[in-house]
């Protein structure tokens, strides 16, 4: 079984996450993708996020009708800062073939991740690159190791969604309907 691992803050999960990961699922011939919300992102330790349970609940709602998409609460239950290397070691206990799905922006800073060389020993690293992203002038060795996949350009950001909710602007078509309802019901981002 070929399994994709897609981690992130997901604050909130949005349509762009769903569209691009479905594209990766098809192009890479994956059997499923496991979405893993982090507890605390190591590269965003100064950023305050919504409670992990809210981010997990929104993720569950967003993917519940997509059979090839699953979620894991491993990083949230583990607590503390979430390191992809540790999560991959855990997932490797259950799946032989792992593909770590990351955004191209994460590939740019991959040399700052915990145990980047060991990550490549555990999983294929698939970087989603949008056609609008420019080439990097100073590239580290991980650019040659990663599988760079051109993905659809979906200009949606979680930051923008949070700002829209704060300003009482609609977020229709930016997040799944059930996620929008969850945000409003739980008073997130106000």
Protein backbone atom coordinates (compact mmCIF):
# COMPACT_ATOMS: atom_id res chain seq x y z
CA UNK A 1 0.00 0.00 0.00
CA UNK A 2 1.33 3.44 -0.99
CA UNK A 3 0.41 5.99 1.65
CA UNK A 4 0.80 9.74 1.52
CA UNK A 5 1.42 11.67 4.72
CA UNK A 6 0.29 15.30 4.73
CA UNK A 7 0.88 17.31 7.87
CA UNK A 8 0.19 20.90 8.76
CA UNK A 9 -1.45 23.28 11.16
CA UNK A 10 -4.78 23.18 9.26
CA UNK A 11 -6.04 26.34 10.97
CA UNK A 12 -8.41 25.92 9.22
CA UNK A 13 -8.19 23.21 6.60
CA UNK A 14 -9.39 24.66 3.29
CA UNK A 15 -10.43 23.68 -0.23
CA UNK A 16 -6.88 24.22 -1.51
CA UNK A 17 -5.62 21.44 0.78
CA UNK A 18 -8.29 19.09 -0.55
CA UNK A 19 -7.80 19.89 -4.25
CA UNK A 20 -3.99 19.69 -4.24
CA UNK A 21 -3.78 16.50 -2.18
CA UNK A 22 -6.36 14.76 -4.35
CA UNK A 23 -4.19 15.73 -7.34
CA UNK A 24 -1.10 14.23 -5.61
CA UNK A 25 -3.07 11.08 -4.72
CA UNK A 26 -3.92 10.54 -8.40
CA UNK A 27 -0.56 11.56 -9.92
CA UNK A 28 1.49 9.48 -7.46
CA UNK A 29 -0.87 6.48 -7.52
CA UNK A 30 -1.36 6.53 -3.76
CA UNK A 31 -3.87 4.29 -2.05
CA UNK A 32 -4.65 6.91 0.57
CA UNK A 33 -3.46 10.11 2.21
CA UNK A 34 -3.33 10.54 5.96
CA UNK A 35 -3.78 14.14 7.12
CA UNK A 36 -1.94 14.82 10.38
CA UNK A 37 -2.57 18.10 12.18
CA UNK A 38 0.46 19.16 14.21
CA UNK A 39 0.32 20.00 17.86
CA UNK A 40 2.91 22.79 17.60
CA UNK A 41 4.76 23.45 14.33
CA UNK A 42 8.53 23.64 14.90
CA UNK A 43 8.87 26.46 12.36
CA UNK A 44 5.92 28.39 13.81
CA UNK A 45 6.49 28.15 17.56
CA UNK A 46 5.76 31.87 18.00
CA UNK A 47 2.46 31.62 16.09
CA UNK A 48 -0.64 31.04 18.20
CA UNK A 49 -3.00 28.51 16.66
CA UNK A 50 -6.52 27.40 17.49
CA UNK A 51 -6.87 24.60 20.02
CA UNK A 52 -5.71 21.31 18.48
CA UNK A 53 -9.10 19.69 19.03
CA UNK A 54 -10.79 22.36 16.87
CA UNK A 55 -8.25 21.92 14.07
CA UNK A 56 -8.68 18.14 14.23
CA UNK A 57 -12.48 18.36 14.22
CA UNK A 58 -12.47 20.68 11.20
CA UNK A 59 -10.14 18.29 9.38
CA UNK A 60 -12.41 15.33 10.14
CA UNK A 61 -15.39 17.22 8.72
CA UNK A 62 -13.47 18.29 5.60
CA UNK A 63 -12.40 14.79 4.59
CA UNK A 64 -15.17 12.55 5.97
CA UNK A 65 -16.77 11.99 2.55
CA UNK A 66 -13.51 11.21 0.72
CA UNK A 67 -12.73 7.48 1.12
CA UNK A 68 -9.02 7.81 0.21
CA UNK A 69 -8.46 10.49 2.87
CA UNK A 70 -7.91 9.67 6.54
CA UNK A 71 -6.68 11.58 9.55
CA UNK A 72 -4.37 10.81 12.43
CA UNK A 73 -4.36 12.50 15.82
CA UNK A 74 -0.85 11.13 16.55
CA UNK A 75 0.92 14.50 16.79
CA UNK A 76 -1.84 16.11 18.85
CA UNK A 77 -1.91 13.18 21.30
CA UNK A 78 1.88 13.13 21.48
CA UNK A 79 1.87 16.78 22.56
CA UNK A 80 4.75 19.25 22.50
CA UNK A 81 6.46 20.33 19.24
CA UNK A 82 5.59 18.10 16.27
CA UNK A 83 8.53 16.84 14.22
CA UNK A 84 7.83 15.13 10.90
CA UNK A 85 10.75 12.74 11.43
CA UNK A 86 9.17 11.35 14.62
CA UNK A 87 5.77 11.04 12.95
CA UNK A 88 7.22 9.20 9.96
CA UNK A 89 8.96 6.72 12.28
CA UNK A 90 5.57 6.03 13.88
CA UNK A 91 3.76 5.68 10.52
CA UNK A 92 6.50 3.38 9.22
CA UNK A 93 5.40 0.83 11.83
CA UNK A 94 2.13 0.44 9.91
CA UNK A 95 2.98 1.24 6.28
CA UNK A 96 5.96 0.13 4.23
CA UNK A 97 5.73 2.72 1.42
CA UNK A 98 5.39 6.31 2.64
CA UNK A 99 5.34 9.51 0.64
CA UNK A 100 5.67 12.73 2.60
CA UNK A 101 3.68 15.48 0.88
CA UNK A 102 4.93 19.01 1.51
CA UNK A 103 4.47 22.41 -0.04
CA UNK A 104 7.28 23.85 -2.14
CA UNK A 105 7.73 26.53 0.53
CA UNK A 106 8.62 23.75 2.98
CA UNK A 107 11.13 22.26 0.55
CA UNK A 108 12.90 25.64 0.51
CA UNK A 109 13.52 25.37 4.27
CA UNK A 110 13.88 21.57 4.38
CA UNK A 111 17.51 21.86 5.49
CA UNK A 112 16.21 23.38 8.75
CA UNK A 113 13.96 20.39 9.53
CA UNK A 114 14.83 17.77 12.16
CA UNK A 115 16.84 14.91 10.59
CA UNK A 116 16.18 15.81 6.93
CA UNK A 117 18.54 13.11 5.60
CA UNK A 118 16.79 10.44 7.66
CA UNK A 119 13.39 11.60 6.42
CA UNK A 120 14.49 10.67 2.89
CA UNK A 121 15.48 7.20 4.17
CA UNK A 122 11.97 6.66 5.52
CA UNK A 123 9.84 8.22 2.78
CA UNK A 124 9.76 9.71 -0.69
CA UNK A 125 9.39 13.47 -0.32
CA UNK A 126 6.87 14.93 -2.76
CA UNK A 127 6.92 18.72 -2.98
CA UNK A 128 3.84 20.39 -4.44
CA UNK A 129 4.94 23.23 -6.68
CA UNK A 130 2.60 25.72 -8.24
CA UNK A 131 3.48 27.08 -11.65
CA UNK A 132 3.51 30.60 -10.20
CA UNK A 133 6.38 29.84 -7.82
CA UNK A 134 9.75 30.97 -9.09
CA UNK A 135 12.88 28.89 -9.12
CA UNK A 136 15.20 29.18 -6.13
CA UNK A 137 18.60 30.70 -6.84
CA UNK A 138 20.38 29.09 -3.88
CA UNK A 139 19.23 25.49 -3.60
CA UNK A 140 20.31 22.95 -1.00
CA UNK A 141 20.88 19.24 -1.68
CA UNK A 142 17.28 18.28 -0.89
CA UNK A 143 15.97 19.88 -4.07
CA UNK A 144 17.62 17.08 -6.07
CA UNK A 145 16.30 14.37 -3.74
CA UNK A 146 12.67 15.48 -3.67
CA UNK A 147 10.01 14.63 -6.23
CA UNK A 148 8.68 18.00 -7.39
CA UNK A 149 5.14 17.78 -8.68
CA UNK A 150 3.41 20.66 -10.45
CA UNK A 151 0.05 21.03 -8.77
CA UNK A 152 -2.96 23.23 -9.46
CA UNK A 153 -2.60 26.84 -8.36
CA UNK A 154 -5.14 27.42 -5.59
CA UNK A 155 -4.68 30.87 -4.08
CA UNK A 156 -6.27 30.24 -0.69
CA UNK A 157 -4.52 30.63 2.64
CA UNK A 158 -5.60 29.77 6.16
CA UNK A 159 -4.38 33.19 7.27
CA UNK A 160 -6.70 34.88 4.77
CA UNK A 161 -9.63 32.75 5.91
CA UNK A 162 -9.03 33.63 9.58
CA UNK A 163 -8.85 37.33 8.67
CA UNK A 164 -12.08 37.12 6.66
CA UNK A 165 -13.90 35.46 9.55
CA UNK A 166 -12.58 38.11 11.97
CA UNK A 167 -13.91 40.83 9.65
CA UNK A 168 -17.23 38.97 9.30
CA UNK A 169 -16.65 38.41 5.57
CA UNK A 170 -17.95 35.21 3.92
CA UNK A 171 -15.66 32.19 3.52
CA UNK A 172 -17.97 30.25 1.20
CA UNK A 173 -16.04 28.19 -1.38
CA UNK A 174 -12.79 28.70 0.57
CA UNK A 175 -13.53 25.99 3.13
CA UNK A 176 -15.89 23.02 2.95
CA UNK A 177 -19.43 23.92 4.09
CA UNK A 178 -19.18 21.75 7.22
CA UNK A 179 -15.93 23.50 8.19
CA UNK A 180 -17.58 26.90 7.75
CA UNK A 181 -20.44 25.80 10.00
CA UNK A 182 -17.97 24.52 12.61
CA UNK A 183 -16.06 27.81 12.60
CA UNK A 184 -19.25 29.82 13.10
CA UNK A 185 -20.78 27.45 15.68
CA UNK A 186 -17.61 27.43 17.79
CA UNK A 187 -16.83 31.13 17.40
CA UNK A 188 -13.38 30.55 15.98
CA UNK A 189 -11.27 33.49 14.75
CA UNK A 190 -13.61 36.17 16.14
